[in-house]
Amino acid sequence: MTETRTLTTRIKSRLLIWHDQMMGLARRKTAPIWLGVFSFIESIFFPIPVDPMLAVMVMARPSRFIMLAVLTTICSTLGGIVGWYLGYELGLTVIEYLGKTHAFETIRDGFARHGWMLILIGAYTPLPYKVTVISGGFLGVGFWPLVVASLIGRGSRFLLVAAIIRYRANRPLVSMLVSLLLGLVAICWWMVTSS
């Protein structure tokens, strides 16, 4: 019993130290720059979502939660544009090399019909955004539908995440925001599957 309490105390102590270190880093003047850089590269290739970093930044700067969400959205969308361009330029070369040109035509038609919605879903949900934007460029989704869907999807997602963290002490508001987040995901999914 004593060993369990000692272990629990040590774990809590280390978590508090880690929390203090993360908050100290998030309060630095350069932290928003790092948030922007991380948001940009996460939209192209980096496998870890930017949401935890945004959450720590909002906890360190709660009055700036909207600015942080907007920064994350813009940088993430710019990274999505780079990913789309990479898919646009290199996608067909890869398909031809693999000898899958006919299969590509079939998939491209489906993606062209629902592509902007798939990008919106990828921008909004935990579905990897980088995969949807690279596929969008590769499968013929237009540039402006990509930008608009990315700004709407990423913007609403990051604003909701930032608001949930900012107002985490207000349980009724957080419950409403989480319900809104889940409801929007369900609506996006329904729109793709019903058309």
C-alpha atoms as a PDB file:
ATOM      1  CA  MET A   1       0.000   0.000   0.000  1.00  0.00           C
ATOM      2  CA  THR A   2       2.806   2.400   0.886  1.00  0.00           C
ATOM      3  CA  GLU A   3       4.648   1.553  -2.341  1.00  0.00           C
ATOM      4  CA  THR A   4       1.543   2.376  -4.384  1.00  0.00           C
ATOM      5  CA  ARG A   5       1.147   5.756  -2.676  1.00  0.00           C
ATOM      6  CA  THR A   6       4.843   6.515  -3.175  1.00  0.00           C
ATOM      7  CA  LEU A   7       4.615   5.609  -6.866  1.00  0.00           C
ATOM      8  CA  THR A   8       1.429   7.673  -7.290  1.00  0.00           C
ATOM      9  CA  THR A   9       3.078  10.635  -5.548  1.00  0.00           C
ATOM     10  CA  ARG A  10       6.129  10.371  -7.807  1.00  0.00           C
ATOM     11  CA  ILE A  11       3.997  10.200 -10.939  1.00  0.00           C
ATOM     12  CA  LYS A  12       1.957  13.230  -9.861  1.00  0.00           C
ATOM     13  CA  SER A  13       5.143  15.124  -9.050  1.00  0.00           C
ATOM     14  CA  ARG A  14       6.650  14.391 -12.466  1.00  0.00           C
ATOM     15  CA  LEU A  15       3.413  15.316 -14.241  1.00  0.00           C
ATOM     16  CA  LEU A  16       3.349  18.647 -12.413  1.00  0.00           C
ATOM     17  CA  ILE A  17       6.970  19.306 -13.370  1.00  0.00           C
ATOM     18  CA  TRP A  18       6.204  18.412 -17.001  1.00  0.00           C
ATOM     19  CA  HIS A  19       3.097  20.627 -16.919  1.00  0.00           C
ATOM     20  CA  ASP A  20       5.104  23.574 -15.529  1.00  0.00           C
ATOM     21  CA  GLN A  21       7.797  23.092 -18.187  1.00  0.00           C
ATOM     22  CA  MET A  22       5.221  22.970 -21.013  1.00  0.00           C
ATOM     23  CA  MET A  23       3.464  26.073 -19.714  1.00  0.00           C
ATOM     24  CA  GLY A  24       6.807  27.874 -19.459  1.00  0.00           C
ATOM     25  CA  LEU A  25       7.595  27.024 -23.079  1.00  0.00           C
ATOM     26  CA  ALA A  26       4.103  28.055 -24.190  1.00  0.00           C
ATOM     27  CA  ARG A  27       4.506  31.472 -22.535  1.00  0.00           C
ATOM     28  CA  ARG A  28       7.686  32.322 -24.454  1.00  0.00           C
ATOM     29  CA  LYS A  29       7.496  35.041 -27.097  1.00  0.00           C
ATOM     30  CA  THR A  30       8.559  32.591 -29.796  1.00  0.00           C
ATOM     31  CA  ALA A  31       5.861  30.037 -28.936  1.00  0.00           C
ATOM     32  CA  PRO A  32       3.296  31.312 -31.492  1.00  0.00           C
ATOM     33  CA  ILE A  33       5.954  31.047 -34.209  1.00  0.00           C
ATOM     34  CA  TRP A  34       6.553  27.422 -33.272  1.00  0.00           C
ATOM     35  CA  LEU A  35       2.811  26.790 -33.257  1.00  0.00           C
ATOM     36  CA  GLY A  36       2.616  28.187 -36.791  1.00  0.00           C
ATOM     37  CA  VAL A  37       5.585  26.140 -38.017  1.00  0.00           C
ATOM     38  CA  PHE A  38       4.236  22.979 -36.420  1.00  0.00           C
ATOM     39  CA  SER A  39       0.770  23.603 -37.930  1.00  0.00           C
ATOM     40  CA  PHE A  40       2.331  24.064 -41.360  1.00  0.00           C
ATOM     41  CA  ILE A  41       4.450  20.894 -41.367  1.00  0.00           C
ATOM     42  CA  GLU A  42       1.695  18.810 -39.735  1.00  0.00           C
ATOM     43  CA  SER A  43      -0.463  19.497 -42.794  1.00  0.00           C
ATOM     44  CA  ILE A  44       2.185  18.086 -45.137  1.00  0.00           C
ATOM     45  CA  PHE A  45       3.972  15.199 -43.461  1.00  0.00           C
ATOM     46  CA  PHE A  46       4.286  15.390 -39.670  1.00  0.00           C
ATOM     47  CA  PRO A  47       2.323  12.531 -38.042  1.00  0.00           C
ATOM     48  CA  ILE A  48       1.355  14.202 -34.731  1.00  0.00           C
ATOM     49  CA  PRO A  49      -1.766  16.426 -34.714  1.00  0.00           C
ATOM     50  CA  VAL A  50      -1.310  20.064 -33.759  1.00  0.00           C
ATOM     51  CA  ASP A  51      -4.268  20.073 -31.330  1.00  0.00           C
ATOM     52  CA  PRO A  52      -2.239  19.245 -28.152  1.00  0.00           C
ATOM     53  CA  MET A  53       0.187  22.081 -28.863  1.00  0.00           C
ATOM     54  CA  LEU A  54      -2.721  24.459 -29.493  1.00  0.00           C
ATOM     55  CA  ALA A  55      -4.309  23.320 -26.216  1.00  0.00           C
ATOM     56  CA  VAL A  56      -1.138  24.030 -24.209  1.00  0.00           C
ATOM     57  CA  MET A  57      -0.770  27.417 -25.880  1.00  0.00           C
ATOM     58  CA  VAL A  58      -4.381  28.326 -25.032  1.00  0.00           C
ATOM     59  CA  MET A  59      -3.868  27.249 -21.400  1.00  0.00           C
ATOM     60  CA  ALA A  60      -0.802  29.510 -21.229  1.00  0.00           C
ATOM     61  CA  ARG A  61      -2.532  32.421 -23.027  1.00  0.00           C
ATOM     62  CA  PRO A  62      -6.288  32.028 -22.484  1.00  0.00           C
ATOM     63  CA  SER A  63      -7.168  35.571 -23.536  1.00  0.00           C
ATOM     64  CA  ARG A  64      -5.558  34.961 -26.960  1.00  0.00           C
ATOM     65  CA  PHE A  65      -7.404  31.736 -27.809  1.00  0.00           C
ATOM     66  CA  ILE A  66      -9.029  33.205 -30.945  1.00  0.00           C
ATOM     67  CA  MET A  67      -5.717  34.558 -32.261  1.00  0.00           C
ATOM     68  CA  LEU A  68      -4.032  31.200 -31.634  1.00  0.00           C
ATOM     69  CA  ALA A  69      -6.843  29.328 -33.406  1.00  0.00           C
ATOM     70  CA  VAL A  70      -6.639  31.709 -36.397  1.00  0.00           C
ATOM     71  CA  LEU A  71      -2.836  31.374 -36.556  1.00  0.00           C
ATOM     72  CA  THR A  72      -3.113  27.591 -36.470  1.00  0.00           C
ATOM     73  CA  THR A  73      -5.804  27.643 -39.176  1.00  0.00           C
ATOM     74  CA  ILE A  74      -3.860  29.880 -41.555  1.00  0.00           C
ATOM     75  CA  CYS A  75      -0.571  28.012 -41.179  1.00  0.00           C
ATOM     76  CA  SER A  76      -2.300  24.648 -41.463  1.00  0.00           C
ATOM     77  CA  THR A  77      -4.123  25.751 -44.625  1.00  0.00           C
ATOM     78  CA  LEU A  78      -0.848  27.001 -46.127  1.00  0.00           C
ATOM     79  CA  GLY A  79       0.690  23.602 -45.387  1.00  0.00           C
ATOM     80  CA  GLY A  80      -2.365  21.981 -46.990  1.00  0.00           C
ATOM     81  CA  ILE A  81      -1.776  24.055 -50.130  1.00  0.00           C
ATOM     82  CA  VAL A  82       1.808  22.788 -50.295  1.00  0.00           C
ATOM     83  CA  GLY A  83       0.551  19.208 -49.812  1.00  0.00           C
ATOM     84  CA  TRP A  84      -2.069  19.713 -52.536  1.00  0.00           C
ATOM     85  CA  TYR A  85       0.606  21.038 -54.890  1.00  0.00           C
ATOM     86  CA  LEU A  86       2.862  18.048 -54.199  1.00  0.00           C
ATOM     87  CA  GLY A  87      -0.026  15.714 -54.991  1.00  0.00           C
ATOM     88  CA  TYR A  88      -0.882  17.729 -58.091  1.00  0.00           C
ATOM     89  CA  GLU A  89       2.664  17.668 -59.455  1.00  0.00           C
ATOM     90  CA  LEU A  90       3.853  14.206 -58.444  1.00  0.00           C
ATOM     91  CA  GLY A  91       0.674  12.134 -58.205  1.00  0.00           C
ATOM     92  CA  LEU A  92       0.264  11.185 -61.858  1.00  0.00           C
ATOM     93  CA  THR A  93       3.947  10.279 -62.159  1.00  0.00           C
ATOM     94  CA  VAL A  94       3.574   7.788 -59.323  1.00  0.00           C
ATOM     95  CA  ILE A  95       0.367   6.323 -60.827  1.00  0.00           C
ATOM     96  CA  GLU A  96       1.938   5.878 -64.256  1.00  0.00           C
ATOM     97  CA  TYR A  97       5.011   4.277 -62.708  1.00  0.00           C
ATOM     98  CA  LEU A  98       2.774   1.794 -60.883  1.00  0.00           C
ATOM     99  CA  GLY A  99       0.775   1.092 -64.063  1.00  0.00           C
ATOM    100  CA  LYS A 100      -2.556   1.995 -62.387  1.00  0.00           C
ATOM    101  CA  THR A 101      -3.750   4.653 -64.839  1.00  0.00           C
ATOM    102  CA  HIS A 102      -7.193   3.067 -65.415  1.00  0.00           C
ATOM    103  CA  ALA A 103      -7.880   2.682 -61.678  1.00  0.00           C
ATOM    104  CA  PHE A 104      -6.749   6.262 -61.190  1.00  0.00           C
ATOM    105  CA  GLU A 105      -9.348   7.544 -63.690  1.00  0.00           C
ATOM    106  CA  THR A 106     -12.161   5.807 -61.793  1.00  0.00           C
ATOM    107  CA  ILE A 107     -11.037   7.096 -58.407  1.00  0.00           C
ATOM    108  CA  ARG A 108     -10.423  10.589 -59.772  1.00  0.00           C
ATOM    109  CA  ASP A 109     -14.019  10.852 -61.015  1.00  0.00           C
ATOM    110  CA  GLY A 110     -15.359  10.012 -57.543  1.00  0.00           C
ATOM    111  CA  PHE A 111     -12.949  12.361 -55.829  1.00  0.00           C
ATOM    112  CA  ALA A 112     -13.749  15.169 -58.283  1.00  0.00           C
ATOM    113  CA  ARG A 113     -17.446  14.778 -57.443  1.00  0.00           C
ATOM    114  CA  HIS A 114     -17.000  14.719 -53.638  1.00  0.00           C
ATOM    115  CA  GLY A 115     -13.408  15.933 -53.247  1.00  0.00           C
ATOM    116  CA  TRP A 116     -14.065  19.280 -51.601  1.00  0.00           C
ATOM    117  CA  MET A 117     -16.293  17.544 -49.046  1.00  0.00           C
ATOM    118  CA  LEU A 118     -13.611  14.933 -48.369  1.00  0.00           C
ATOM    119  CA  ILE A 119     -11.104  17.735 -47.819  1.00  0.00           C
ATOM    120  CA  LEU A 120     -13.577  19.466 -45.492  1.00  0.00           C
ATOM    121  CA  ILE A 121     -13.984  16.241 -43.513  1.00  0.00           C
ATOM    122  CA  GLY A 122     -10.208  15.738 -43.435  1.00  0.00           C
ATOM    123  CA  ALA A 123      -9.740  19.322 -42.298  1.00  0.00           C
ATOM    124  CA  TYR A 124     -12.322  19.043 -39.565  1.00  0.00           C
ATOM    125  CA  THR A 125     -12.045  15.521 -38.225  1.00  0.00           C
ATOM    126  CA  PRO A 126      -9.150  13.406 -36.963  1.00  0.00           C
ATOM    127  CA  LEU A 127      -8.979  11.859 -40.458  1.00  0.00           C
ATOM    128  CA  PRO A 128      -5.459  12.827 -41.604  1.00  0.00           C
ATOM    129  CA  TYR A 129      -5.734  16.192 -43.324  1.00  0.00           C
ATOM    130  CA  LYS A 130      -2.410  15.693 -45.079  1.00  0.00           C
ATOM    131  CA  VAL A 131      -3.743  12.558 -46.767  1.00  0.00           C
ATOM    132  CA  THR A 132      -6.863  14.304 -48.055  1.00  0.00           C
ATOM    133  CA  VAL A 133      -5.060  17.378 -49.411  1.00  0.00           C
ATOM    134  CA  ILE A 134      -2.317  15.395 -51.133  1.00  0.00           C
ATOM    135  CA  SER A 135      -4.984  13.089 -52.576  1.00  0.00           C
ATOM    136  CA  GLY A 136      -7.028  16.135 -53.578  1.00  0.00           C
ATOM    137  CA  GLY A 137      -4.178  17.587 -55.614  1.00  0.00           C
ATOM    138  CA  PHE A 138      -3.377  14.215 -57.022  1.00  0.00           C
ATOM    139  CA  LEU A 139      -7.009  13.417 -57.926  1.00  0.00           C
ATOM    140  CA  GLY A 140      -8.049  16.729 -59.392  1.00  0.00           C
ATOM    141  CA  VAL A 141      -9.750  18.770 -56.661  1.00  0.00           C
ATOM    142  CA  GLY A 142      -9.469  22.438 -57.600  1.00  0.00           C
ATOM    143  CA  PHE A 143      -7.251  24.892 -55.763  1.00  0.00           C
ATOM    144  CA  TRP A 144     -10.020  27.216 -54.522  1.00  0.00           C
ATOM    145  CA  PRO A 145     -12.301  24.427 -53.251  1.00  0.00           C
ATOM    146  CA  LEU A 146      -9.257  23.159 -51.343  1.00  0.00           C
ATOM    147  CA  VAL A 147      -8.595  26.587 -49.797  1.00  0.00           C
ATOM    148  CA  VAL A 148     -12.227  27.264 -48.872  1.00  0.00           C
ATOM    149  CA  ALA A 149     -12.829  23.763 -47.453  1.00  0.00           C
ATOM    150  CA  SER A 150      -9.542  23.933 -45.529  1.00  0.00           C
ATOM    151  CA  LEU A 151     -10.269  27.344 -44.017  1.00  0.00           C
ATOM    152  CA  ILE A 152     -13.793  26.322 -43.004  1.00  0.00           C
ATOM    153  CA  GLY A 153     -12.837  22.879 -41.700  1.00  0.00           C
ATOM    154  CA  ARG A 154      -9.573  23.744 -39.998  1.00  0.00           C
ATOM    155  CA  GLY A 155     -10.895  27.070 -38.724  1.00  0.00           C
ATOM    156  CA  SER A 156     -13.986  25.609 -37.101  1.00  0.00           C
ATOM    157  CA  ARG A 157     -12.070  22.689 -35.644  1.00  0.00           C
ATOM    158  CA  PHE A 158      -9.261  24.758 -34.136  1.00  0.00           C
ATOM    159  CA  LEU A 159     -11.622  27.445 -32.884  1.00  0.00           C
ATOM    160  CA  LEU A 160     -13.765  24.830 -31.161  1.00  0.00           C
ATOM    161  CA  VAL A 161     -10.709  23.106 -29.643  1.00  0.00           C
ATOM    162  CA  ALA A 162      -9.330  26.448 -28.435  1.00  0.00           C
ATOM    163  CA  ALA A 163     -12.719  27.478 -27.003  1.00  0.00           C
ATOM    164  CA  ILE A 164     -13.122  24.138 -25.211  1.00  0.00           C
ATOM    165  CA  ILE A 165      -9.700  24.576 -23.580  1.00  0.00           C
ATOM    166  CA  ARG A 166     -10.279  28.270 -22.838  1.00  0.00           C
ATOM    167  CA  TYR A 167     -13.630  27.675 -21.148  1.00  0.00           C
ATOM    168  CA  ARG A 168     -12.840  24.241 -19.670  1.00  0.00           C
ATOM    169  CA  ALA A 169     -14.069  25.315 -16.218  1.00  0.00           C
ATOM    170  CA  ASN A 170     -17.539  26.093 -17.608  1.00  0.00           C
ATOM    171  CA  ARG A 171     -18.924  22.569 -17.969  1.00  0.00           C
ATOM    172  CA  PRO A 172     -22.253  23.464 -19.633  1.00  0.00           C
ATOM    173  CA  LEU A 173     -20.475  25.560 -22.286  1.00  0.00           C
ATOM    174  CA  VAL A 174     -17.846  22.879 -22.876  1.00  0.00           C
ATOM    175  CA  SER A 175     -20.575  20.233 -23.205  1.00  0.00           C
ATOM    176  CA  MET A 176     -22.305  22.409 -25.791  1.00  0.00           C
ATOM    177  CA  LEU A 177     -19.056  22.989 -27.720  1.00  0.00           C
ATOM    178  CA  VAL A 178     -18.164  19.288 -27.727  1.00  0.00           C
ATOM    179  CA  SER A 179     -21.702  18.468 -28.925  1.00  0.00           C
ATOM    180  CA  LEU A 180     -21.322  21.042 -31.691  1.00  0.00           C
ATOM    181  CA  LEU A 181     -17.978  19.551 -32.700  1.00  0.00           C
ATOM    182  CA  LEU A 182     -19.415  16.032 -32.862  1.00  0.00           C
ATOM    183  CA  GLY A 183     -22.569  17.235 -34.601  1.00  0.00           C
ATOM    184  CA  LEU A 184     -20.599  18.955 -37.354  1.00  0.00           C
ATOM    185  CA  VAL A 185     -18.527  15.810 -37.898  1.00  0.00           C
ATOM    186  CA  ALA A 186     -21.739  13.768 -38.207  1.00  0.00           C
ATOM    187  CA  ILE A 187     -23.256  16.261 -40.681  1.00  0.00           C
ATOM    188  CA  CYS A 188     -20.124  16.205 -42.867  1.00  0.00           C
ATOM    189  CA  TRP A 189     -20.107  12.420 -42.856  1.00  0.00           C
ATOM    190  CA  TRP A 190     -23.815  12.258 -43.722  1.00  0.00           C
ATOM    191  CA  MET A 191     -23.368  14.677 -46.623  1.00  0.00           C
ATOM    192  CA  VAL A 192     -20.637  12.531 -48.180  1.00  0.00           C
ATOM    193  CA  THR A 193     -22.386   9.201 -47.674  1.00  0.00           C
ATOM    194  CA  SER A 194     -25.824  10.377 -48.843  1.00  0.00           C
ATOM    195  CA  SER A 195     -24.729  11.926 -52.135  1.00  0.00           C
END
